[in-house]
Full PDB file with SEQRES, HELIX, SHEET, SSBOND, CRYST1, ORIGX, SCALE, CONECT and MASTER records, all heavy atoms in Angstrom:
SEQRES   1 A   36  TYR GLY ASN TYR THR CYS ALA GLY TYR PRO GLY ILE LEU          
SEQRES   2 A   36  GLY HIS LEU GLN THR ASP ALA LEU THR PHE ALA ASP TRP          
SEQRES   3 A   36  GLY VAL ASP TYR VAL LYS LEU ASP GLY CYS                      
HELIX    1 AA1 LEU A   16  ASP A   25  1                                  10    
SSBOND   1 CYS A    6    CYS A   36                          1555   1555  1.98  
CRYST1    1.000    1.000    1.000  90.00  90.00  90.00 P 1           1          
ORIGX1      1.000000  0.000000  0.000000        0.00000                         
ORIGX2      0.000000  1.000000  0.000000        0.00000                         
ORIGX3      0.000000  0.000000  1.000000        0.00000                         
SCALE1      1.000000  0.000000  0.000000        0.00000                         
SCALE2      0.000000  1.000000  0.000000        0.00000                         
SCALE3      0.000000  0.000000  1.000000        0.00000                         
ATOM      1  N   TYR A   1      -2.819   4.992  -2.849  1.00  0.00           N  
ATOM      2  CA  TYR A   1      -1.717   5.844  -3.296  1.00  0.00           C  
ATOM      3  C   TYR A   1      -2.068   7.348  -2.759  1.00  0.00           C  
ATOM      4  O   TYR A   1      -2.653   8.139  -3.324  1.00  0.00           O  
ATOM      5  CB  TYR A   1      -1.501   6.055  -4.751  1.00  0.00           C  
ATOM      6  CG  TYR A   1      -0.386   7.020  -5.103  1.00  0.00           C  
ATOM      7  CD1 TYR A   1       0.906   6.653  -4.857  1.00  0.00           C  
ATOM      8  CD2 TYR A   1      -0.662   8.297  -5.545  1.00  0.00           C  
ATOM      9  CE1 TYR A   1       1.960   7.551  -5.036  1.00  0.00           C  
ATOM     10  CE2 TYR A   1       0.347   9.143  -5.852  1.00  0.00           C  
ATOM     11  CZ  TYR A   1       1.647   8.812  -5.569  1.00  0.00           C  
ATOM     12  OH  TYR A   1       2.631   9.688  -5.795  1.00  0.00           O  
ATOM     13  N   GLY A   2      -1.955   7.494  -1.347  1.00  0.00           N  
ATOM     14  CA  GLY A   2      -2.367   8.624  -0.607  1.00  0.00           C  
ATOM     15  C   GLY A   2      -1.617   8.537   0.724  1.00  0.00           C  
ATOM     16  O   GLY A   2      -1.037   7.652   1.096  1.00  0.00           O  
ATOM     17  N   ASN A   3      -2.007   9.686   1.519  1.00  0.00           N  
ATOM     18  CA  ASN A   3      -1.574   9.724   2.903  1.00  0.00           C  
ATOM     19  C   ASN A   3      -2.383   8.717   3.703  1.00  0.00           C  
ATOM     20  O   ASN A   3      -1.844   8.191   4.682  1.00  0.00           O  
ATOM     21  CB  ASN A   3      -1.799  11.062   3.422  1.00  0.00           C  
ATOM     22  CG  ASN A   3      -0.872  12.152   2.842  1.00  0.00           C  
ATOM     23  OD1 ASN A   3       0.348  11.869   2.741  1.00  0.00           O  
ATOM     24  ND2 ASN A   3      -1.416  13.225   2.341  1.00  0.00           N  
ATOM     25  N   TYR A   4      -3.625   8.469   3.394  1.00  0.00           N  
ATOM     26  CA  TYR A   4      -4.452   7.506   4.064  1.00  0.00           C  
ATOM     27  C   TYR A   4      -5.278   6.735   3.044  1.00  0.00           C  
ATOM     28  O   TYR A   4      -5.516   7.121   1.808  1.00  0.00           O  
ATOM     29  CB  TYR A   4      -5.451   8.277   4.953  1.00  0.00           C  
ATOM     30  CG  TYR A   4      -4.742   9.132   6.069  1.00  0.00           C  
ATOM     31  CD1 TYR A   4      -4.672  10.545   5.699  1.00  0.00           C  
ATOM     32  CD2 TYR A   4      -4.275   8.638   7.189  1.00  0.00           C  
ATOM     33  CE1 TYR A   4      -4.067  11.351   6.690  1.00  0.00           C  
ATOM     34  CE2 TYR A   4      -3.698   9.461   8.167  1.00  0.00           C  
ATOM     35  CZ  TYR A   4      -3.576  10.785   7.918  1.00  0.00           C  
ATOM     36  OH  TYR A   4      -2.950  11.579   8.725  1.00  0.00           O  
ATOM     37  N   THR A   5      -5.788   5.577   3.409  1.00  0.00           N  
ATOM     38  CA  THR A   5      -6.830   4.836   2.568  1.00  0.00           C  
ATOM     39  C   THR A   5      -8.042   5.704   2.612  1.00  0.00           C  
ATOM     40  O   THR A   5      -8.265   6.549   3.465  1.00  0.00           O  
ATOM     41  CB  THR A   5      -7.040   3.433   3.124  1.00  0.00           C  
ATOM     42  OG1 THR A   5      -7.687   3.403   4.299  1.00  0.00           O  
ATOM     43  CG2 THR A   5      -5.668   2.805   3.254  1.00  0.00           C  
ATOM     44  N   CYS A   6      -9.116   5.255   1.846  1.00  0.00           N  
ATOM     45  CA  CYS A   6     -10.329   5.887   1.889  1.00  0.00           C  
ATOM     46  C   CYS A   6     -10.996   5.899   3.215  1.00  0.00           C  
ATOM     47  O   CYS A   6     -11.750   6.806   3.580  1.00  0.00           O  
ATOM     48  CB  CYS A   6     -11.211   5.348   0.868  1.00  0.00           C  
ATOM     49  SG  CYS A   6     -10.566   5.598  -0.923  1.00  0.00           S  
ATOM     50  N   ALA A   7     -10.678   4.808   3.996  1.00  0.00           N  
ATOM     51  CA  ALA A   7     -11.345   4.686   5.313  1.00  0.00           C  
ATOM     52  C   ALA A   7     -10.426   5.209   6.408  1.00  0.00           C  
ATOM     53  O   ALA A   7     -10.845   5.080   7.634  1.00  0.00           O  
ATOM     54  CB  ALA A   7     -11.687   3.103   5.566  1.00  0.00           C  
ATOM     55  N   GLY A   8      -9.277   5.727   6.142  1.00  0.00           N  
ATOM     56  CA  GLY A   8      -8.500   6.446   7.114  1.00  0.00           C  
ATOM     57  C   GLY A   8      -7.419   5.689   7.681  1.00  0.00           C  
ATOM     58  O   GLY A   8      -6.773   6.103   8.637  1.00  0.00           O  
ATOM     59  N   TYR A   9      -7.025   4.516   7.025  1.00  0.00           N  
ATOM     60  CA  TYR A   9      -5.879   3.687   7.461  1.00  0.00           C  
ATOM     61  C   TYR A   9      -4.593   4.149   6.807  1.00  0.00           C  
ATOM     62  O   TYR A   9      -4.705   4.918   5.879  1.00  0.00           O  
ATOM     63  CB  TYR A   9      -6.167   2.262   7.205  1.00  0.00           C  
ATOM     64  CG  TYR A   9      -7.303   1.670   8.110  1.00  0.00           C  
ATOM     65  CD1 TYR A   9      -8.670   1.822   7.602  1.00  0.00           C  
ATOM     66  CD2 TYR A   9      -6.999   1.058   9.204  1.00  0.00           C  
ATOM     67  CE1 TYR A   9      -9.725   1.331   8.582  1.00  0.00           C  
ATOM     68  CE2 TYR A   9      -8.031   0.507  10.080  1.00  0.00           C  
ATOM     69  CZ  TYR A   9      -9.393   0.801   9.690  1.00  0.00           C  
ATOM     70  OH  TYR A   9     -10.346   0.176  10.411  1.00  0.00           O  
ATOM     71  N   PRO A  10      -3.431   3.714   7.118  1.00  0.00           N  
ATOM     72  CA  PRO A  10      -2.188   4.210   6.662  1.00  0.00           C  
ATOM     73  C   PRO A  10      -2.138   4.103   5.104  1.00  0.00           C  
ATOM     74  O   PRO A  10      -2.365   2.970   4.491  1.00  0.00           O  
ATOM     75  CB  PRO A  10      -1.150   3.412   7.395  1.00  0.00           C  
ATOM     76  CG  PRO A  10      -1.742   2.912   8.640  1.00  0.00           C  
ATOM     77  CD  PRO A  10      -3.207   2.781   8.311  1.00  0.00           C  
ATOM     78  N   GLY A  11      -1.816   5.163   4.385  1.00  0.00           N  
ATOM     79  CA  GLY A  11      -1.586   5.113   3.045  1.00  0.00           C  
ATOM     80  C   GLY A  11      -0.122   4.796   2.610  1.00  0.00           C  
ATOM     81  O   GLY A  11       0.739   4.629   3.553  1.00  0.00           O  
ATOM     82  N   ILE A  12       0.061   4.726   1.285  1.00  0.00           N  
ATOM     83  CA  ILE A  12       1.216   4.229   0.884  1.00  0.00           C  
ATOM     84  C   ILE A  12       2.405   5.241   0.604  1.00  0.00           C  
ATOM     85  O   ILE A  12       3.579   5.037   0.464  1.00  0.00           O  
ATOM     86  CB  ILE A  12       1.069   3.437  -0.526  1.00  0.00           C  
ATOM     87  CG1 ILE A  12       2.142   2.356  -0.744  1.00  0.00           C  
ATOM     88  CG2 ILE A  12       1.031   4.391  -1.702  1.00  0.00           C  
ATOM     89  CD1 ILE A  12       1.790   1.368  -1.787  1.00  0.00           C  
ATOM     90  N   LEU A  13       2.004   6.627   0.500  1.00  0.00           N  
ATOM     91  CA  LEU A  13       2.971   7.657   0.371  1.00  0.00           C  
ATOM     92  C   LEU A  13       4.043   7.664   1.312  1.00  0.00           C  
ATOM     93  O   LEU A  13       3.826   7.629   2.487  1.00  0.00           O  
ATOM     94  CB  LEU A  13       2.220   8.986   0.402  1.00  0.00           C  
ATOM     95  CG  LEU A  13       1.394   9.262  -0.793  1.00  0.00           C  
ATOM     96  CD1 LEU A  13       0.817  10.682  -0.826  1.00  0.00           C  
ATOM     97  CD2 LEU A  13       2.130   9.109  -2.104  1.00  0.00           C  
ATOM     98  N   GLY A  14       5.334   7.746   0.704  1.00  0.00           N  
ATOM     99  CA  GLY A  14       6.438   7.738   1.633  1.00  0.00           C  
ATOM    100  C   GLY A  14       6.934   6.269   2.006  1.00  0.00           C  
ATOM    101  O   GLY A  14       7.989   6.143   2.658  1.00  0.00           O  
ATOM    102  N   HIS A  15       6.193   5.282   1.504  1.00  0.00           N  
ATOM    103  CA  HIS A  15       6.547   3.980   1.872  1.00  0.00           C  
ATOM    104  C   HIS A  15       6.436   3.024   0.680  1.00  0.00           C  
ATOM    105  O   HIS A  15       6.240   1.794   0.757  1.00  0.00           O  
ATOM    106  CB  HIS A  15       5.618   3.412   2.983  1.00  0.00           C  
ATOM    107  CG  HIS A  15       5.771   4.265   4.157  1.00  0.00           C  
ATOM    108  ND1 HIS A  15       6.588   4.034   5.157  1.00  0.00           N  
ATOM    109  CD2 HIS A  15       5.008   5.213   4.645  1.00  0.00           C  
ATOM    110  CE1 HIS A  15       6.386   4.947   6.260  1.00  0.00           C  
ATOM    111  NE2 HIS A  15       5.365   5.627   5.782  1.00  0.00           N  
ATOM    112  N   LEU A  16       6.552   3.520  -0.671  1.00  0.00           N  
ATOM    113  CA  LEU A  16       6.263   2.766  -1.730  1.00  0.00           C  
ATOM    114  C   LEU A  16       7.102   1.503  -1.884  1.00  0.00           C  
ATOM    115  O   LEU A  16       6.743   0.296  -2.018  1.00  0.00           O  
ATOM    116  CB  LEU A  16       6.415   3.558  -2.979  1.00  0.00           C  
ATOM    117  CG  LEU A  16       5.136   4.294  -3.356  1.00  0.00           C  
ATOM    118  CD1 LEU A  16       4.892   5.501  -2.428  1.00  0.00           C  
ATOM    119  CD2 LEU A  16       5.344   4.957  -4.886  1.00  0.00           C  
ATOM    120  N   GLN A  17       8.431   1.749  -1.683  1.00  0.00           N  
ATOM    121  CA  GLN A  17       9.288   0.435  -1.835  1.00  0.00           C  
ATOM    122  C   GLN A  17       9.161  -0.474  -0.594  1.00  0.00           C  
ATOM    123  O   GLN A  17       9.107  -1.597  -0.859  1.00  0.00           O  
ATOM    124  CB  GLN A  17      10.789   1.073  -1.879  1.00  0.00           C  
ATOM    125  CG  GLN A  17      11.815  -0.144  -2.162  1.00  0.00           C  
ATOM    126  CD  GLN A  17      13.179   0.334  -2.351  1.00  0.00           C  
ATOM    127  OE1 GLN A  17      13.594   1.550  -2.033  1.00  0.00           O  
ATOM    128  NE2 GLN A  17      14.032  -0.444  -2.820  1.00  0.00           N  
ATOM    129  N   THR A  18       9.047   0.088   0.573  1.00  0.00           N  
ATOM    130  CA  THR A  18       8.782  -0.803   1.767  1.00  0.00           C  
ATOM    131  C   THR A  18       7.493  -1.631   1.634  1.00  0.00           C  
ATOM    132  O   THR A  18       7.553  -2.844   1.811  1.00  0.00           O  
ATOM    133  CB  THR A  18       8.680   0.106   2.978  1.00  0.00           C  
ATOM    134  OG1 THR A  18       9.902   0.879   3.276  1.00  0.00           O  
ATOM    135  CG2 THR A  18       8.332  -0.751   4.240  1.00  0.00           C  
ATOM    136  N   ASP A  19       6.475  -1.071   1.165  1.00  0.00           N  
ATOM    137  CA  ASP A  19       5.245  -1.730   0.910  1.00  0.00           C  
ATOM    138  C   ASP A  19       5.215  -2.787  -0.100  1.00  0.00           C  
ATOM    139  O   ASP A  19       4.810  -3.796  -0.064  1.00  0.00           O  
ATOM    140  CB  ASP A  19       4.069  -0.821   0.881  1.00  0.00           C  
ATOM    141  CG  ASP A  19       3.730   0.013   2.000  1.00  0.00           C  
ATOM    142  OD1 ASP A  19       4.296  -0.184   3.035  1.00  0.00           O  
ATOM    143  OD2 ASP A  19       2.888   0.883   1.943  1.00  0.00           O  
ATOM    144  N   ALA A  20       6.005  -2.456  -1.286  1.00  0.00           N  
ATOM    145  CA  ALA A  20       6.075  -3.426  -2.225  1.00  0.00           C  
ATOM    146  C   ALA A  20       6.929  -4.668  -1.817  1.00  0.00           C  
ATOM    147  O   ALA A  20       6.482  -5.840  -2.127  1.00  0.00           O  
ATOM    148  CB  ALA A  20       6.872  -2.760  -3.514  1.00  0.00           C  
ATOM    149  N   LEU A  21       7.956  -4.463  -0.996  1.00  0.00           N  
ATOM    150  CA  LEU A  21       8.735  -5.439  -0.431  1.00  0.00           C  
ATOM    151  C   LEU A  21       7.861  -6.284   0.487  1.00  0.00           C  
ATOM    152  O   LEU A  21       7.953  -7.534   0.637  1.00  0.00           O  
ATOM    153  CB  LEU A  21      10.001  -5.031   0.177  1.00  0.00           C  
ATOM    154  CG  LEU A  21      11.069  -4.484  -0.785  1.00  0.00           C  
ATOM    155  CD1 LEU A  21      12.123  -3.771  -0.008  1.00  0.00           C  
ATOM    156  CD2 LEU A  21      11.680  -5.580  -1.548  1.00  0.00           C  
ATOM    157  N   THR A  22       7.101  -5.626   1.362  1.00  0.00           N  
ATOM    158  CA  THR A  22       6.330  -6.199   2.365  1.00  0.00           C  
ATOM    159  C   THR A  22       5.149  -7.242   1.714  1.00  0.00           C  
ATOM    160  O   THR A  22       5.004  -8.346   2.008  1.00  0.00           O  
ATOM    161  CB  THR A  22       5.537  -5.215   3.239  1.00  0.00           C  
ATOM    162  OG1 THR A  22       6.462  -4.402   3.851  1.00  0.00           O  
ATOM    163  CG2 THR A  22       4.663  -5.827   4.134  1.00  0.00           C  
ATOM    164  N   PHE A  23       4.554  -6.669   0.540  1.00  0.00           N  
ATOM    165  CA  PHE A  23       3.673  -7.463  -0.077  1.00  0.00           C  
ATOM    166  C   PHE A  23       4.353  -8.678  -0.728  1.00  0.00           C  
ATOM    167  O   PHE A  23       3.742  -9.827  -0.585  1.00  0.00           O  
ATOM    168  CB  PHE A  23       2.977  -6.657  -1.198  1.00  0.00           C  
ATOM    169  CG  PHE A  23       2.130  -5.470  -0.638  1.00  0.00           C  
ATOM    170  CD1 PHE A  23       1.783  -4.518  -1.432  1.00  0.00           C  
ATOM    171  CD2 PHE A  23       1.612  -5.480   0.693  1.00  0.00           C  
ATOM    172  CE1 PHE A  23       0.992  -3.288  -1.046  1.00  0.00           C  
ATOM    173  CE2 PHE A  23       0.837  -4.388   1.034  1.00  0.00           C  
ATOM    174  CZ  PHE A  23       0.611  -3.361   0.292  1.00  0.00           C  
ATOM    175  N   ALA A  24       5.510  -8.598  -1.279  1.00  0.00           N  
ATOM    176  CA  ALA A  24       6.159  -9.722  -1.807  1.00  0.00           C  
ATOM    177  C   ALA A  24       6.580 -10.727  -0.812  1.00  0.00           C  
ATOM    178  O   ALA A  24       6.297 -11.930  -0.949  1.00  0.00           O  
ATOM    179  CB  ALA A  24       7.490  -9.169  -2.550  1.00  0.00           C  
ATOM    180  N   ASP A  25       6.978 -10.197   0.399  1.00  0.00           N  
ATOM    181  CA  ASP A  25       7.342 -11.212   1.590  1.00  0.00           C  
ATOM    182  C   ASP A  25       6.105 -11.948   2.009  1.00  0.00           C  
ATOM    183  O   ASP A  25       6.127 -13.018   2.470  1.00  0.00           O  
ATOM    184  CB  ASP A  25       7.968 -10.378   2.787  1.00  0.00           C  
ATOM    185  CG  ASP A  25       9.317  -9.807   2.544  1.00  0.00           C  
ATOM    186  OD1 ASP A  25       9.979 -10.263   1.444  1.00  0.00           O  
ATOM    187  OD2 ASP A  25       9.841  -8.876   3.145  1.00  0.00           O  
ATOM    188  N   TRP A  26       4.949 -11.250   1.879  1.00  0.00           N  
ATOM    189  CA  TRP A  26       3.800 -11.932   2.380  1.00  0.00           C  
ATOM    190  C   TRP A  26       3.085 -12.891   1.408  1.00  0.00           C  
ATOM    191  O   TRP A  26       2.122 -13.524   1.633  1.00  0.00           O  
ATOM    192  CB  TRP A  26       2.591 -10.949   2.774  1.00  0.00           C  
ATOM    193  CG  TRP A  26       2.940 -10.077   4.071  1.00  0.00           C  
ATOM    194  CD1 TRP A  26       3.785 -10.461   5.087  1.00  0.00           C  
ATOM    195  CD2 TRP A  26       2.235  -8.885   4.400  1.00  0.00           C  
ATOM    196  NE1 TRP A  26       3.639  -9.626   6.056  1.00  0.00           N  
ATOM    197  CE2 TRP A  26       2.728  -8.687   5.813  1.00  0.00           C  
ATOM    198  CE3 TRP A  26       1.392  -8.040   3.883  1.00  0.00           C  
ATOM    199  CZ2 TRP A  26       2.435  -7.500   6.388  1.00  0.00           C  
ATOM    200  CZ3 TRP A  26       0.995  -6.887   4.589  1.00  0.00           C  
ATOM    201  CH2 TRP A  26       1.569  -6.677   5.792  1.00  0.00           C  
ATOM    202  N   GLY A  27       3.692 -12.936   0.158  1.00  0.00           N  
ATOM    203  CA  GLY A  27       3.284 -13.862  -0.840  1.00  0.00           C  
ATOM    204  C   GLY A  27       2.024 -13.298  -1.599  1.00  0.00           C  
ATOM    205  O   GLY A  27       1.073 -14.017  -2.028  1.00  0.00           O  
ATOM    206  N   VAL A  28       1.858 -11.953  -1.681  1.00  0.00           N  
ATOM    207  CA  VAL A  28       0.721 -11.433  -2.397  1.00  0.00           C  
ATOM    208  C   VAL A  28       0.886 -11.594  -3.892  1.00  0.00           C  
ATOM    209  O   VAL A  28       1.877 -11.434  -4.482  1.00  0.00           O  
ATOM    210  CB  VAL A  28       0.634  -9.745  -2.090  1.00  0.00           C  
ATOM    211  CG1 VAL A  28      -0.351  -9.101  -2.927  1.00  0.00           C  
ATOM    212  CG2 VAL A  28       0.271  -9.602  -0.568  1.00  0.00           C  
ATOM    213  N   ASP A  29      -0.427 -11.809  -4.571  1.00  0.00           N  
ATOM    214  CA  ASP A  29      -0.398 -12.086  -5.849  1.00  0.00           C  
ATOM    215  C   ASP A  29      -1.097 -10.934  -6.683  1.00  0.00           C  
ATOM    216  O   ASP A  29      -1.022 -10.955  -8.000  1.00  0.00           O  
ATOM    217  CB  ASP A  29      -1.155 -13.317  -6.183  1.00  0.00           C  
ATOM    218  CG  ASP A  29      -0.629 -14.553  -5.480  1.00  0.00           C  
ATOM    219  OD1 ASP A  29       0.591 -14.990  -5.728  1.00  0.00           O  
ATOM    220  OD2 ASP A  29      -1.257 -15.006  -4.533  1.00  0.00           O  
ATOM    221  N   TYR A  30      -1.843 -10.009  -5.886  1.00  0.00           N  
ATOM    222  CA  TYR A  30      -2.670  -9.068  -6.613  1.00  0.00           C  
ATOM    223  C   TYR A  30      -2.724  -7.839  -5.668  1.00  0.00           C  
ATOM    224  O   TYR A  30      -3.030  -7.965  -4.471  1.00  0.00           O  
ATOM    225  CB  TYR A  30      -3.997  -9.576  -6.751  1.00  0.00           C  
ATOM    226  CG  TYR A  30      -5.097  -8.674  -7.455  1.00  0.00           C  
ATOM    227  CD1 TYR A  30      -5.670  -8.942  -8.651  1.00  0.00           C  
ATOM    228  CD2 TYR A  30      -5.831  -7.910  -6.530  1.00  0.00           C  
ATOM    229  CE1 TYR A  30      -6.647  -8.149  -9.124  1.00  0.00           C  
ATOM    230  CE2 TYR A  30      -6.897  -6.987  -7.004  1.00  0.00           C  
ATOM    231  CZ  TYR A  30      -7.360  -7.238  -8.332  1.00  0.00           C  
ATOM    232  OH  TYR A  30      -8.255  -6.511  -8.727  1.00  0.00           O  
ATOM    233  N   VAL A  31      -2.389  -6.684  -6.211  1.00  0.00           N  
ATOM    234  CA  VAL A  31      -2.459  -5.406  -5.364  1.00  0.00           C  
ATOM    235  C   VAL A  31      -3.454  -4.446  -6.026  1.00  0.00           C  
ATOM    236  O   VAL A  31      -3.264  -3.988  -7.110  1.00  0.00           O  
ATOM    237  CB  VAL A  31      -1.024  -4.791  -5.376  1.00  0.00           C  
ATOM    238  CG1 VAL A  31      -1.122  -3.499  -4.617  1.00  0.00           C  
ATOM    239  CG2 VAL A  31      -0.061  -5.697  -4.695  1.00  0.00           C  
ATOM    240  N   LYS A  32      -4.391  -4.092  -5.246  1.00  0.00           N  
ATOM    241  CA  LYS A  32      -5.301  -2.958  -5.527  1.00  0.00           C  
ATOM    242  C   LYS A  32      -4.959  -1.698  -4.819  1.00  0.00           C  
ATOM    243  O   LYS A  32      -4.914  -1.635  -3.634  1.00  0.00           O  
ATOM    244  CB  LYS A  32      -6.780  -3.376  -5.199  1.00  0.00           C  
ATOM    245  CG  LYS A  32      -7.821  -2.251  -5.455  1.00  0.00           C  
ATOM    246  CD  LYS A  32      -9.083  -2.648  -4.933  1.00  0.00           C  
ATOM    247  CE  LYS A  32     -10.211  -1.496  -5.020  1.00  0.00           C  
ATOM    248  NZ  LYS A  32     -11.488  -1.945  -4.599  1.00  0.00           N  
ATOM    249  N   LEU A  33      -4.563  -0.739  -5.685  1.00  0.00           N  
ATOM    250  CA  LEU A  33      -4.193   0.543  -5.183  1.00  0.00           C  
ATOM    251  C   LEU A  33      -5.060   1.684  -5.496  1.00  0.00           C  
ATOM    252  O   LEU A  33      -5.221   2.135  -6.590  1.00  0.00           O  
ATOM    253  CB  LEU A  33      -2.714   0.949  -5.787  1.00  0.00           C  
ATOM    254  CG  LEU A  33      -1.879   2.069  -5.051  1.00  0.00           C  
ATOM    255  CD1 LEU A  33      -1.605   1.787  -3.740  1.00  0.00           C  
ATOM    256  CD2 LEU A  33      -0.652   2.389  -5.942  1.00  0.00           C  
ATOM    257  N   ASP A  34      -5.782   2.042  -4.440  1.00  0.00           N  
ATOM    258  CA  ASP A  34      -6.840   3.149  -4.535  1.00  0.00           C  
ATOM    259  C   ASP A  34      -6.136   4.514  -4.626  1.00  0.00           C  
ATOM    260  O   ASP A  34      -4.906   4.631  -4.714  1.00  0.00           O  
ATOM    261  CB  ASP A  34      -7.711   3.017  -3.291  1.00  0.00           C  
ATOM    262  CG  ASP A  34      -9.115   3.465  -3.574  1.00  0.00           C  
ATOM    263  OD1 ASP A  34      -9.386   4.195  -4.516  1.00  0.00           O  
ATOM    264  OD2 ASP A  34     -10.030   3.026  -2.905  1.00  0.00           O  
ATOM    265  N   GLY A  35      -6.913   5.592  -4.569  1.00  0.00           N  
ATOM    266  CA  GLY A  35      -6.325   6.939  -4.706  1.00  0.00           C  
ATOM    267  C   GLY A  35      -6.896   8.032  -3.896  1.00  0.00           C  
ATOM    268  O   GLY A  35      -6.744   9.227  -4.278  1.00  0.00           O  
ATOM    269  N   CYS A  36      -7.533   7.639  -2.768  1.00  0.00           N  
ATOM    270  CA  CYS A  36      -7.917   8.738  -1.767  1.00  0.00           C  
ATOM    271  C   CYS A  36      -6.879   9.490  -1.113  1.00  0.00           C  
ATOM    272  O   CYS A  36      -5.720   8.918  -1.004  1.00  0.00           O  
ATOM    273  CB  CYS A  36      -8.896   8.063  -0.737  1.00  0.00           C  
ATOM    274  SG  CYS A  36     -10.417   7.551  -1.218  1.00  0.00           S  
TER     275      CYS A  36                                                      
CONECT   49  274                                                                
CONECT  274   49                                                                
MASTER        0    0    0    1    0    0    0    6  274    1    2    3          
END                                                                             
C-alpha cells in the first residue's frame, strides 16, 4: 500500500481496484499488503 514496494517495485496506490481484480483473475488465495 504505497507508491512502491519496499524493494522499489510498483506499489498499489492508484490501482487498488485493478490489482484486486487482477489477483482474482490469477486465482490468488492470500494477499500480503505491505506499507512502504
